[in-house]
Amino acid sequence: MENNKKSPIEFIPVFQKSFLAPKYWGAWLGIGACAGMALLPARMRDPVLGRLGRLAGKLAKSARRRAQINLLYCMPDLPEAQREEIIDGMFAAATQSMVMMAELAIRPAEKVRQRIEWHGREIIDTLRAEQKRVIFLVPHGWAVDIPAMVLASEGQQMAAMFHNQTNPLIDYVWNAVRRRFGGRMHARNDGIKPFISSVRQGYWGYYLPDQDHGAEHSEFVDFFATYKATLPAIGRLMKVCRAEVVPLFPVYNSKTHQLEVYVRPPMEGLLEADEPTLARRMNQEVEVFVQPHPEQYTWILKLLKTRRPGEIQPYKRKDLFFKR
């Protein structure tokens, strides 16, 4: 039985009795540990979570290798030692961000909102006052879900697209947490039409631009020091939804124990741009956010999977970062 309820409108996670079976006990233990850490003050838990994250990053060989390859291609001028520091910081930020998301799931939202610092919040407030349709362009940061949940907790209707997790229990819990304050979840394998429908109905969209969707509908455009197959969808979405496209990126600051959310002004000139230009504009927004905070980005994704004809996929190269 599937752990969700589908309709033409949205994806709704549904608890299944099968989640109580022994094969899920390990996952329940991890969920309980995450919830327990979320009840601790952030200043106490963050150093512990940082150490645990760095340790996990040493043990997760495959994920670390993907990050090493991505950073080698994207930031080749950085010394290897500096790239390794970024990866260690990335795994630390992952655990700290995930536990903050768990905190938002179990604590009153107003308490968590006190630890969120917005940079450019006036942009959001103005768009809301003007009753504009909005699509946020959000690079894959580890705290990516939190700004959407916070806006939903303030009463803003939100709609987002997502990929299902391979573990059904984790998929259920993750999406139930995302929907705690309402909003709509749209599975990517259901296509983009339900997402467009929600935005046209007044929901603010949440679009992640940096996944690799293959060569067929993508453009090969610059991405940091390399190139990437980029789906130039944002121009089409803007036109069809008649929405403003607003870049946004969350950064977890482990020193202040706050989430800093950076918001940039609505993108201009998208309607007149051709597809290569649209794709490059999207990648530029990712670069603007990630360059000052590279440890916040999910470098473990197969960002560079699709290459030009005749070029080997980076993750299949046997000369790069194989286990020593």
C-alpha atoms as a PDB file:
ATOM      1  CA  MET A   1       0.000   0.000   0.000  1.00  0.00           C
ATOM      2  CA  GLU A   2       1.308   3.465  -0.829  1.00  0.00           C
ATOM      3  CA  ASN A   3       2.085   5.891   1.981  1.00  0.00           C
ATOM      4  CA  ASN A   4       0.314   8.775   0.327  1.00  0.00           C
ATOM      5  CA  LYS A   5      -2.995   9.982  -0.927  1.00  0.00           C
ATOM      6  CA  LYS A   6      -3.094  11.364  -4.456  1.00  0.00           C
ATOM      7  CA  SER A   7      -5.550  13.766  -5.980  1.00  0.00           C
ATOM      8  CA  PRO A   8      -5.431  15.978  -9.062  1.00  0.00           C
ATOM      9  CA  ILE A   9      -4.462  18.802  -6.703  1.00  0.00           C
ATOM     10  CA  GLU A  10      -1.816  17.621  -4.256  1.00  0.00           C
ATOM     11  CA  PHE A  11       0.139  14.857  -2.547  1.00  0.00           C
ATOM     12  CA  ILE A  12      -0.966  14.039   1.009  1.00  0.00           C
ATOM     13  CA  PRO A  13       1.207  11.719   3.139  1.00  0.00           C
ATOM     14  CA  VAL A  14      -0.787   9.080   5.038  1.00  0.00           C
ATOM     15  CA  PHE A  15       0.455   6.970   7.969  1.00  0.00           C
ATOM     16  CA  GLN A  16       0.442   3.210   7.362  1.00  0.00           C
ATOM     17  CA  LYS A  17       0.294   0.470   9.997  1.00  0.00           C
ATOM     18  CA  SER A  18       3.164  -1.216   8.179  1.00  0.00           C
ATOM     19  CA  PHE A  19       5.452   1.540   9.474  1.00  0.00           C
ATOM     20  CA  LEU A  20       5.342  -0.229  12.870  1.00  0.00           C
ATOM     21  CA  ALA A  21       7.022  -3.345  11.447  1.00  0.00           C
ATOM     22  CA  PRO A  22      10.515  -4.256  12.747  1.00  0.00           C
ATOM     23  CA  LYS A  23      12.184  -3.295   9.473  1.00  0.00           C
ATOM     24  CA  TYR A  24      11.366   0.332  10.260  1.00  0.00           C
ATOM     25  CA  TRP A  25      12.577   0.321  13.884  1.00  0.00           C
ATOM     26  CA  GLY A  26      15.979   1.668  12.913  1.00  0.00           C
ATOM     27  CA  ALA A  27      14.360   4.564  11.076  1.00  0.00           C
ATOM     28  CA  TRP A  28      12.106   5.251  14.068  1.00  0.00           C
ATOM     29  CA  LEU A  29      15.191   5.336  16.292  1.00  0.00           C
ATOM     30  CA  GLY A  30      16.784   7.942  14.036  1.00  0.00           C
ATOM     31  CA  ILE A  31      13.580   9.995  13.956  1.00  0.00           C
ATOM     32  CA  GLY A  32      13.335   9.852  17.747  1.00  0.00           C
ATOM     33  CA  ALA A  33      16.971  10.897  18.154  1.00  0.00           C
ATOM     34  CA  CYS A  34      16.430  13.836  15.807  1.00  0.00           C
ATOM     35  CA  ALA A  35      13.314  14.913  17.728  1.00  0.00           C
ATOM     36  CA  GLY A  36      15.163  14.578  21.031  1.00  0.00           C
ATOM     37  CA  MET A  37      18.007  16.780  19.799  1.00  0.00           C
ATOM     38  CA  ALA A  38      15.450  19.335  18.597  1.00  0.00           C
ATOM     39  CA  LEU A  39      14.234  19.783  22.182  1.00  0.00           C
ATOM     40  CA  LEU A  40      17.697  20.856  23.338  1.00  0.00           C
ATOM     41  CA  PRO A  41      18.793  24.503  23.178  1.00  0.00           C
ATOM     42  CA  ALA A  42      20.516  25.171  19.850  1.00  0.00           C
ATOM     43  CA  ARG A  43      23.687  26.459  21.541  1.00  0.00           C
ATOM     44  CA  MET A  44      24.057  23.068  23.248  1.00  0.00           C
ATOM     45  CA  ARG A  45      23.183  20.814  20.346  1.00  0.00           C
ATOM     46  CA  ASP A  46      24.945  22.559  17.449  1.00  0.00           C
ATOM     47  CA  PRO A  47      28.530  21.662  18.460  1.00  0.00           C
ATOM     48  CA  VAL A  48      27.483  18.027  18.961  1.00  0.00           C
ATOM     49  CA  LEU A  49      25.578  17.932  15.681  1.00  0.00           C
ATOM     50  CA  GLY A  50      28.512  19.501  13.889  1.00  0.00           C
ATOM     51  CA  ARG A  51      30.858  16.776  15.096  1.00  0.00           C
ATOM     52  CA  LEU A  52      28.346  14.053  14.252  1.00  0.00           C
ATOM     53  CA  GLY A  53      27.847  15.514  10.790  1.00  0.00           C
ATOM     54  CA  ARG A  54      31.565  15.642  10.081  1.00  0.00           C
ATOM     55  CA  LEU A  55      31.936  12.047  11.258  1.00  0.00           C
ATOM     56  CA  ALA A  56      29.043  10.951   9.051  1.00  0.00           C
ATOM     57  CA  GLY A  57      30.710  12.735   6.162  1.00  0.00           C
ATOM     58  CA  LYS A  58      33.856  10.675   6.648  1.00  0.00           C
ATOM     59  CA  LEU A  59      31.869   7.434   6.651  1.00  0.00           C
ATOM     60  CA  ALA A  60      29.531   8.255   3.738  1.00  0.00           C
ATOM     61  CA  LYS A  61      32.120   7.450   1.082  1.00  0.00           C
ATOM     62  CA  SER A  62      29.867   7.612  -1.969  1.00  0.00           C
ATOM     63  CA  ALA A  63      28.204  10.885  -0.977  1.00  0.00           C
ATOM     64  CA  ARG A  64      31.555  12.434  -0.108  1.00  0.00           C
ATOM     65  CA  ARG A  65      33.025  11.376  -3.447  1.00  0.00           C
ATOM     66  CA  ARG A  66      30.162  13.078  -5.323  1.00  0.00           C
ATOM     67  CA  ALA A  67      30.811  16.260  -3.354  1.00  0.00           C
ATOM     68  CA  GLN A  68      34.548  16.029  -4.047  1.00  0.00           C
ATOM     69  CA  ILE A  69      33.938  15.650  -7.775  1.00  0.00           C
ATOM     70  CA  ASN A  70      31.393  18.476  -7.907  1.00  0.00           C
ATOM     71  CA  LEU A  71      33.718  20.867  -6.106  1.00  0.00           C
ATOM     72  CA  LEU A  72      36.692  19.849  -8.244  1.00  0.00           C
ATOM     73  CA  TYR A  73      34.734  20.703 -11.390  1.00  0.00           C
ATOM     74  CA  CYS A  74      33.032  23.812  -9.989  1.00  0.00           C
ATOM     75  CA  MET A  75      35.874  25.293  -7.935  1.00  0.00           C
ATOM     76  CA  PRO A  76      39.094  23.843  -9.385  1.00  0.00           C
ATOM     77  CA  ASP A  77      41.206  26.815  -8.280  1.00  0.00           C
ATOM     78  CA  LEU A  78      40.613  26.051  -4.605  1.00  0.00           C
ATOM     79  CA  PRO A  79      43.281  23.876  -2.970  1.00  0.00           C
ATOM     80  CA  GLU A  80      42.068  20.359  -2.255  1.00  0.00           C
ATOM     81  CA  ALA A  81      42.405  20.933   1.491  1.00  0.00           C
ATOM     82  CA  GLN A  82      40.039  23.893   1.263  1.00  0.00           C
ATOM     83  CA  ARG A  83      37.520  21.889  -0.736  1.00  0.00           C
ATOM     84  CA  GLU A  84      37.674  19.172   1.943  1.00  0.00           C
ATOM     85  CA  GLU A  85      36.939  21.813   4.594  1.00  0.00           C
ATOM     86  CA  ILE A  86      33.886  22.887   2.615  1.00  0.00           C
ATOM     87  CA  ILE A  87      32.673  19.293   2.503  1.00  0.00           C
ATOM     88  CA  ASP A  88      33.191  18.840   6.247  1.00  0.00           C
ATOM     89  CA  GLY A  89      31.258  22.061   6.839  1.00  0.00           C
ATOM     90  CA  MET A  90      28.539  20.858   4.496  1.00  0.00           C
ATOM     91  CA  PHE A  91      27.932  17.682   6.490  1.00  0.00           C
ATOM     92  CA  ALA A  92      27.903  19.707   9.716  1.00  0.00           C
ATOM     93  CA  ALA A  93      25.375  22.155   8.251  1.00  0.00           C
ATOM     94  CA  ALA A  94      23.237  19.218   7.095  1.00  0.00           C
ATOM     95  CA  THR A  95      22.710  17.819  10.587  1.00  0.00           C
ATOM     96  CA  GLN A  96      22.205  21.234  12.181  1.00  0.00           C
ATOM     97  CA  SER A  97      19.670  22.291   9.543  1.00  0.00           C
ATOM     98  CA  MET A  98      17.721  19.036   9.698  1.00  0.00           C
ATOM     99  CA  VAL A  99      17.363  19.279  13.463  1.00  0.00           C
ATOM    100  CA  MET A 100      16.164  22.878  13.160  1.00  0.00           C
ATOM    101  CA  MET A 101      13.521  21.595  10.759  1.00  0.00           C
ATOM    102  CA  ALA A 102      12.570  18.970  13.362  1.00  0.00           C
ATOM    103  CA  GLU A 103      12.357  21.749  15.943  1.00  0.00           C
ATOM    104  CA  LEU A 104       9.940  23.627  13.715  1.00  0.00           C
ATOM    105  CA  ALA A 105       7.906  20.427  13.456  1.00  0.00           C
ATOM    106  CA  ILE A 106       7.430  19.943  17.210  1.00  0.00           C
ATOM    107  CA  ARG A 107       7.771  23.387  18.802  1.00  0.00           C
ATOM    108  CA  PRO A 108       5.509  26.425  18.448  1.00  0.00           C
ATOM    109  CA  ALA A 109       6.396  28.226  15.249  1.00  0.00           C
ATOM    110  CA  GLU A 110       6.743  31.606  16.931  1.00  0.00           C
ATOM    111  CA  LYS A 111       9.628  30.299  19.065  1.00  0.00           C
ATOM    112  CA  VAL A 112      11.563  29.113  16.019  1.00  0.00           C
ATOM    113  CA  ARG A 113      10.806  32.312  14.094  1.00  0.00           C
ATOM    114  CA  GLN A 114      12.738  34.218  16.758  1.00  0.00           C
ATOM    115  CA  ARG A 115      15.903  32.521  15.495  1.00  0.00           C
ATOM    116  CA  ILE A 116      15.390  33.410  11.841  1.00  0.00           C
ATOM    117  CA  GLU A 117      17.046  36.484  10.398  1.00  0.00           C
ATOM    118  CA  TRP A 118      15.730  37.672   7.046  1.00  0.00           C
ATOM    119  CA  HIS A 119      17.908  39.613   4.628  1.00  0.00           C
ATOM    120  CA  GLY A 120      15.534  41.277   2.189  1.00  0.00           C
ATOM    121  CA  ARG A 121      12.312  40.505   4.039  1.00  0.00           C
ATOM    122  CA  GLU A 122      10.900  43.818   2.804  1.00  0.00           C
ATOM    123  CA  ILE A 123      10.816  42.308  -0.706  1.00  0.00           C
ATOM    124  CA  ILE A 124       8.461  39.565   0.472  1.00  0.00           C
ATOM    125  CA  ASP A 125       6.310  41.972   2.484  1.00  0.00           C
ATOM    126  CA  THR A 126       5.922  44.294  -0.506  1.00  0.00           C
ATOM    127  CA  LEU A 127       4.912  41.465  -2.836  1.00  0.00           C
ATOM    128  CA  ARG A 128       2.392  40.240  -0.287  1.00  0.00           C
ATOM    129  CA  ALA A 129       0.935  43.735   0.174  1.00  0.00           C
ATOM    130  CA  GLU A 130       0.615  44.079  -3.602  1.00  0.00           C
ATOM    131  CA  GLN A 131      -1.031  40.626  -3.776  1.00  0.00           C
ATOM    132  CA  LYS A 132       1.471  39.433  -6.356  1.00  0.00           C
ATOM    133  CA  ARG A 133       1.869  35.841  -7.447  1.00  0.00           C
ATOM    134  CA  VAL A 134       5.323  34.602  -6.489  1.00  0.00           C
ATOM    135  CA  ILE A 135       7.613  31.721  -7.419  1.00  0.00           C
ATOM    136  CA  PHE A 136      10.673  31.455  -5.206  1.00  0.00           C
ATOM    137  CA  LEU A 137      13.805  30.252  -6.994  1.00  0.00           C
ATOM    138  CA  VAL A 138      15.579  28.277  -4.246  1.00  0.00           C
ATOM    139  CA  PRO A 139      18.937  26.503  -4.709  1.00  0.00           C
ATOM    140  CA  HIS A 140      19.372  23.200  -2.889  1.00  0.00           C
ATOM    141  CA  GLY A 141      20.539  24.250   0.565  1.00  0.00           C
ATOM    142  CA  TRP A 142      20.329  21.946   3.553  1.00  0.00           C
ATOM    143  CA  ALA A 143      17.738  24.169   5.237  1.00  0.00           C
ATOM    144  CA  VAL A 144      15.729  24.498   2.030  1.00  0.00           C
ATOM    145  CA  ASP A 145      12.365  23.500   3.543  1.00  0.00           C
ATOM    146  CA  ILE A 146      12.435  25.831   6.534  1.00  0.00           C
ATOM    147  CA  PRO A 147      11.656  29.206   4.872  1.00  0.00           C
ATOM    148  CA  ALA A 148       8.605  27.708   3.144  1.00  0.00           C
ATOM    149  CA  MET A 149       7.380  26.228   6.428  1.00  0.00           C
ATOM    150  CA  VAL A 150       7.923  29.545   8.227  1.00  0.00           C
ATOM    151  CA  LEU A 151       6.007  31.505   5.600  1.00  0.00           C
ATOM    152  CA  ALA A 152       3.200  28.933   5.803  1.00  0.00           C
ATOM    153  CA  SER A 153       3.151  29.326   9.603  1.00  0.00           C
ATOM    154  CA  GLU A 154       2.551  33.053   9.030  1.00  0.00           C
ATOM    155  CA  GLY A 155      -0.525  32.274   6.960  1.00  0.00           C
ATOM    156  CA  GLN A 156       0.960  32.402   3.467  1.00  0.00           C
ATOM    157  CA  GLN A 157      -0.288  29.617   1.198  1.00  0.00           C
ATOM    158  CA  MET A 158       2.739  27.738  -0.186  1.00  0.00           C
ATOM    159  CA  ALA A 159       3.122  25.102  -2.922  1.00  0.00           C
ATOM    160  CA  ALA A 160       6.255  23.070  -3.585  1.00  0.00           C
ATOM    161  CA  MET A 161       7.500  20.213  -5.751  1.00  0.00           C
ATOM    162  CA  PHE A 162       9.477  17.323  -4.285  1.00  0.00           C
ATOM    163  CA  HIS A 163      11.031  13.928  -4.953  1.00  0.00           C
ATOM    164  CA  ASN A 164       9.881  10.936  -2.903  1.00  0.00           C
ATOM    165  CA  GLN A 165      12.388   9.402  -0.480  1.00  0.00           C
ATOM    166  CA  THR A 166      13.307   5.757  -1.043  1.00  0.00           C
ATOM    167  CA  ASN A 167      12.387   4.799   2.542  1.00  0.00           C
ATOM    168  CA  PRO A 168       8.562   4.995   2.793  1.00  0.00           C
ATOM    169  CA  LEU A 169       8.601   5.896   6.499  1.00  0.00           C
ATOM    170  CA  ILE A 170      11.129   8.706   6.015  1.00  0.00           C
ATOM    171  CA  ASP A 171       9.112   9.894   3.025  1.00  0.00           C
ATOM    172  CA  TYR A 172       5.960  10.002   5.140  1.00  0.00           C
ATOM    173  CA  VAL A 173       7.567  11.817   8.082  1.00  0.00           C
ATOM    174  CA  TRP A 174       9.462  14.300   5.930  1.00  0.00           C
ATOM    175  CA  ASN A 175       6.414  15.319   3.927  1.00  0.00           C
ATOM    176  CA  ALA A 176       4.146  15.386   6.974  1.00  0.00           C
ATOM    177  CA  VAL A 177       6.601  17.809   8.598  1.00  0.00           C
ATOM    178  CA  ARG A 178       6.691  19.954   5.466  1.00  0.00           C
ATOM    179  CA  ARG A 179       2.896  20.206   5.567  1.00  0.00           C
ATOM    180  CA  ARG A 180       2.599  20.987   9.274  1.00  0.00           C
ATOM    181  CA  PHE A 181       1.380  24.538   8.621  1.00  0.00           C
ATOM    182  CA  GLY A 182      -0.588  23.741   5.491  1.00  0.00           C
ATOM    183  CA  GLY A 183       0.297  24.288   1.873  1.00  0.00           C
ATOM    184  CA  ARG A 184       0.439  21.883  -1.038  1.00  0.00           C
ATOM    185  CA  MET A 185       3.039  19.284  -1.965  1.00  0.00           C
ATOM    186  CA  HIS A 186       3.355  18.202  -5.587  1.00  0.00           C
ATOM    187  CA  ALA A 187       5.341  15.085  -6.504  1.00  0.00           C
ATOM    188  CA  ARG A 188       7.678  15.665  -9.455  1.00  0.00           C
ATOM    189  CA  ASN A 189       6.607  12.394 -11.074  1.00  0.00           C
ATOM    190  CA  ASP A 190       3.076  13.820 -11.332  1.00  0.00           C
ATOM    191  CA  GLY A 191       4.359  16.528 -13.687  1.00  0.00           C
ATOM    192  CA  ILE A 192       4.418  20.281 -13.310  1.00  0.00           C
ATOM    193  CA  LYS A 193       0.775  21.064 -14.113  1.00  0.00           C
ATOM    194  CA  PRO A 194      -0.518  20.682 -10.515  1.00  0.00           C
ATOM    195  CA  PHE A 195       2.214  23.077  -9.326  1.00  0.00           C
ATOM    196  CA  ILE A 196       1.259  25.623 -11.987  1.00  0.00           C
ATOM    197  CA  SER A 197      -2.392  25.292 -11.007  1.00  0.00           C
ATOM    198  CA  SER A 198      -1.585  26.046  -7.373  1.00  0.00           C
ATOM    199  CA  VAL A 199       0.437  29.158  -8.236  1.00  0.00           C
ATOM    200  CA  ARG A 200      -2.332  30.427 -10.496  1.00  0.00           C
ATOM    201  CA  GLN A 201      -4.744  29.954  -7.584  1.00  0.00           C
ATOM    202  CA  GLY A 202      -2.638  32.264  -5.419  1.00  0.00           C
ATOM    203  CA  TYR A 203      -0.264  29.854  -3.702  1.00  0.00           C
ATOM    204  CA  TRP A 204       3.341  31.043  -3.610  1.00  0.00           C
ATOM    205  CA  GLY A 205       5.490  28.515  -5.451  1.00  0.00           C
ATOM    206  CA  TYR A 206       8.774  27.031  -4.279  1.00  0.00           C
ATOM    207  CA  TYR A 207      10.954  25.908  -7.193  1.00  0.00           C
ATOM    208  CA  LEU A 208      14.394  24.269  -6.927  1.00  0.00           C
ATOM    209  CA  PRO A 209      16.300  25.000 -10.156  1.00  0.00           C
ATOM    210  CA  ASP A 210      19.520  23.045  -9.910  1.00  0.00           C
ATOM    211  CA  GLN A 211      18.678  19.377 -10.420  1.00  0.00           C
ATOM    212  CA  ASP A 212      19.825  17.555 -13.538  1.00  0.00           C
ATOM    213  CA  HIS A 213      16.805  16.569 -15.670  1.00  0.00           C
ATOM    214  CA  GLY A 214      18.754  15.191 -18.615  1.00  0.00           C
ATOM    215  CA  ALA A 215      19.694  16.637 -21.981  1.00  0.00           C
ATOM    216  CA  GLU A 216      16.402  16.479 -23.882  1.00  0.00           C
ATOM    217  CA  HIS A 217      14.827  19.703 -22.586  1.00  0.00           C
ATOM    218  CA  SER A 218      17.906  21.249 -20.947  1.00  0.00           C
ATOM    219  CA  GLU A 219      20.506  23.768 -22.064  1.00  0.00           C
ATOM    220  CA  PHE A 220      24.231  23.294 -21.507  1.00  0.00           C
ATOM    221  CA  VAL A 221      25.273  26.553 -19.830  1.00  0.00           C
ATOM    222  CA  ASP A 222      27.983  27.755 -17.480  1.00  0.00           C
ATOM    223  CA  PHE A 223      27.779  26.674 -13.852  1.00  0.00           C
ATOM    224  CA  PHE A 224      30.624  27.976 -11.650  1.00  0.00           C
ATOM    225  CA  ALA A 225      33.847  26.896 -13.441  1.00  0.00           C
ATOM    226  CA  THR A 226      32.189  24.128 -15.467  1.00  0.00           C
ATOM    227  CA  TYR A 227      28.853  23.732 -17.256  1.00  0.00           C
ATOM    228  CA  LYS A 228      25.588  22.036 -16.406  1.00  0.00           C
ATOM    229  CA  ALA A 229      22.486  20.688 -18.127  1.00  0.00           C
ATOM    230  CA  THR A 230      19.951  23.217 -16.882  1.00  0.00           C
ATOM    231  CA  LEU A 231      16.203  23.134 -17.447  1.00  0.00           C
ATOM    232  CA  PRO A 232      15.171  26.708 -18.431  1.00  0.00           C
ATOM    233  CA  ALA A 233      11.724  26.289 -16.915  1.00  0.00           C
ATOM    234  CA  ILE A 234      11.536  29.441 -14.862  1.00  0.00           C
ATOM    235  CA  GLY A 235      10.711  31.682 -17.826  1.00  0.00           C
ATOM    236  CA  ARG A 236       7.853  29.427 -18.858  1.00  0.00           C
ATOM    237  CA  LEU A 237       6.574  29.248 -15.293  1.00  0.00           C
ATOM    238  CA  MET A 238       6.724  33.020 -14.946  1.00  0.00           C
ATOM    239  CA  LYS A 239       4.748  33.478 -18.159  1.00  0.00           C
ATOM    240  CA  VAL A 240       2.136  30.796 -17.548  1.00  0.00           C
ATOM    241  CA  CYS A 241       1.640  31.685 -13.876  1.00  0.00           C
ATOM    242  CA  ARG A 242       2.031  35.453 -14.319  1.00  0.00           C
ATOM    243  CA  ALA A 243       4.237  35.424 -11.250  1.00  0.00           C
ATOM    244  CA  GLU A 244       7.277  37.251  -9.953  1.00  0.00           C
ATOM    245  CA  VAL A 245      10.394  35.076  -9.684  1.00  0.00           C
ATOM    246  CA  VAL A 246      12.173  35.769  -6.392  1.00  0.00           C
ATOM    247  CA  PRO A 247      15.541  34.123  -5.604  1.00  0.00           C
ATOM    248  CA  LEU A 248      15.882  32.893  -2.000  1.00  0.00           C
ATOM    249  CA  PHE A 249      18.527  30.914  -0.107  1.00  0.00           C
ATOM    250  CA  PRO A 250      18.682  29.740   3.553  1.00  0.00           C
ATOM    251  CA  VAL A 251      21.985  29.640   5.464  1.00  0.00           C
ATOM    252  CA  TYR A 252      22.314  27.999   8.881  1.00  0.00           C
ATOM    253  CA  ASN A 253      24.733  29.971  11.066  1.00  0.00           C
ATOM    254  CA  SER A 254      26.122  27.573  13.669  1.00  0.00           C
ATOM    255  CA  LYS A 255      27.870  30.428  15.526  1.00  0.00           C
ATOM    256  CA  THR A 256      24.720  32.455  16.175  1.00  0.00           C
ATOM    257  CA  HIS A 257      22.433  29.374  16.019  1.00  0.00           C
ATOM    258  CA  GLN A 258      20.162  31.243  13.632  1.00  0.00           C
ATOM    259  CA  LEU A 259      18.868  30.600  10.159  1.00  0.00           C
ATOM    260  CA  GLU A 260      19.707  33.473   7.843  1.00  0.00           C
ATOM    261  CA  VAL A 261      17.389  33.699   4.833  1.00  0.00           C
ATOM    262  CA  TYR A 262      18.665  35.746   1.901  1.00  0.00           C
ATOM    263  CA  VAL A 263      16.090  37.177  -0.502  1.00  0.00           C
ATOM    264  CA  ARG A 264      16.964  38.929  -3.755  1.00  0.00           C
ATOM    265  CA  PRO A 265      14.720  41.249  -5.805  1.00  0.00           C
ATOM    266  CA  PRO A 266      12.411  39.715  -8.418  1.00  0.00           C
ATOM    267  CA  MET A 267      14.264  38.705 -11.564  1.00  0.00           C
ATOM    268  CA  GLU A 268      13.775  40.974 -14.561  1.00  0.00           C
ATOM    269  CA  GLY A 269      13.925  40.430 -18.300  1.00  0.00           C
ATOM    270  CA  LEU A 270      12.913  36.781 -18.223  1.00  0.00           C
ATOM    271  CA  LEU A 271       9.963  37.042 -20.583  1.00  0.00           C
ATOM    272  CA  GLU A 272      12.136  38.339 -23.440  1.00  0.00           C
ATOM    273  CA  ALA A 273      15.062  35.949 -22.870  1.00  0.00           C
ATOM    274  CA  ASP A 274      15.809  32.905 -24.997  1.00  0.00           C
ATOM    275  CA  GLU A 275      16.241  29.504 -23.369  1.00  0.00           C
ATOM    276  CA  PRO A 276      20.061  29.508 -23.069  1.00  0.00           C
ATOM    277  CA  THR A 277      19.865  32.925 -21.410  1.00  0.00           C
ATOM    278  CA  LEU A 278      17.136  31.754 -19.034  1.00  0.00           C
ATOM    279  CA  ALA A 279      19.167  28.714 -18.040  1.00  0.00           C
ATOM    280  CA  ARG A 280      22.281  30.788 -17.450  1.00  0.00           C
ATOM    281  CA  ARG A 281      20.343  33.369 -15.416  1.00  0.00           C
ATOM    282  CA  MET A 282      19.110  30.591 -13.143  1.00  0.00           C
ATOM    283  CA  ASN A 283      22.626  29.267 -12.633  1.00  0.00           C
ATOM    284  CA  GLN A 284      23.893  32.769 -11.907  1.00  0.00           C
ATOM    285  CA  GLU A 285      21.421  33.101  -9.057  1.00  0.00           C
ATOM    286  CA  VAL A 286      22.693  29.815  -7.626  1.00  0.00           C
ATOM    287  CA  GLU A 287      26.270  31.083  -7.865  1.00  0.00           C
ATOM    288  CA  VAL A 288      25.451  34.400  -6.172  1.00  0.00           C
ATOM    289  CA  PHE A 289      24.011  32.595  -3.163  1.00  0.00           C
ATOM    290  CA  VAL A 290      26.428  29.679  -2.926  1.00  0.00           C
ATOM    291  CA  GLN A 291      29.802  31.376  -3.459  1.00  0.00           C
ATOM    292  CA  PRO A 292      29.776  33.145  -0.057  1.00  0.00           C
ATOM    293  CA  HIS A 293      28.376  30.049   1.703  1.00  0.00           C
ATOM    294  CA  PRO A 294      29.582  26.965  -0.210  1.00  0.00           C
ATOM    295  CA  GLU A 295      29.206  24.689   2.826  1.00  0.00           C
ATOM    296  CA  GLN A 296      25.434  25.272   2.790  1.00  0.00           C
ATOM    297  CA  TYR A 297      24.930  23.736  -0.661  1.00  0.00           C
ATOM    298  CA  THR A 298      24.031  20.080  -1.253  1.00  0.00           C
ATOM    299  CA  TRP A 299      27.147  19.143  -3.183  1.00  0.00           C
ATOM    300  CA  ILE A 300      26.299  15.449  -2.775  1.00  0.00           C
ATOM    301  CA  LEU A 301      23.720  15.654  -5.598  1.00  0.00           C
ATOM    302  CA  LYS A 302      24.637  14.425  -9.085  1.00  0.00           C
ATOM    303  CA  LEU A 303      24.593  17.976 -10.359  1.00  0.00           C
ATOM    304  CA  LEU A 304      26.833  17.259 -13.365  1.00  0.00           C
ATOM    305  CA  LYS A 305      25.416  13.899 -14.443  1.00  0.00           C
ATOM    306  CA  THR A 306      24.480  14.945 -17.978  1.00  0.00           C
ATOM    307  CA  ARG A 307      27.451  15.900 -20.169  1.00  0.00           C
ATOM    308  CA  ARG A 308      27.906  16.892 -23.765  1.00  0.00           C
ATOM    309  CA  PRO A 309      28.160  14.032 -26.295  1.00  0.00           C
ATOM    310  CA  GLY A 310      31.456  12.218 -26.088  1.00  0.00           C
ATOM    311  CA  GLU A 311      32.306  13.394 -22.569  1.00  0.00           C
ATOM    312  CA  ILE A 312      32.367  10.888 -19.716  1.00  0.00           C
ATOM    313  CA  GLN A 313      30.107  11.475 -16.731  1.00  0.00           C
ATOM    314  CA  PRO A 314      32.263  12.808 -13.849  1.00  0.00           C
ATOM    315  CA  TYR A 315      30.952  10.268 -11.334  1.00  0.00           C
ATOM    316  CA  LYS A 316      32.039   7.389 -13.627  1.00  0.00           C
ATOM    317  CA  ARG A 317      35.603   8.595 -13.911  1.00  0.00           C
ATOM    318  CA  LYS A 318      37.878   6.015 -12.333  1.00  0.00           C
ATOM    319  CA  ASP A 319      40.696   8.503 -11.894  1.00  0.00           C
ATOM    320  CA  LEU A 320      38.808  10.725  -9.433  1.00  0.00           C
ATOM    321  CA  PHE A 321      38.646  10.185  -5.675  1.00  0.00           C
ATOM    322  CA  PHE A 322      38.370   6.427  -5.607  1.00  0.00           C
ATOM    323  CA  LYS A 323      38.658   4.809  -2.199  1.00  0.00           C
ATOM    324  CA  ARG A 324      42.200   4.766  -0.959  1.00  0.00           C
END
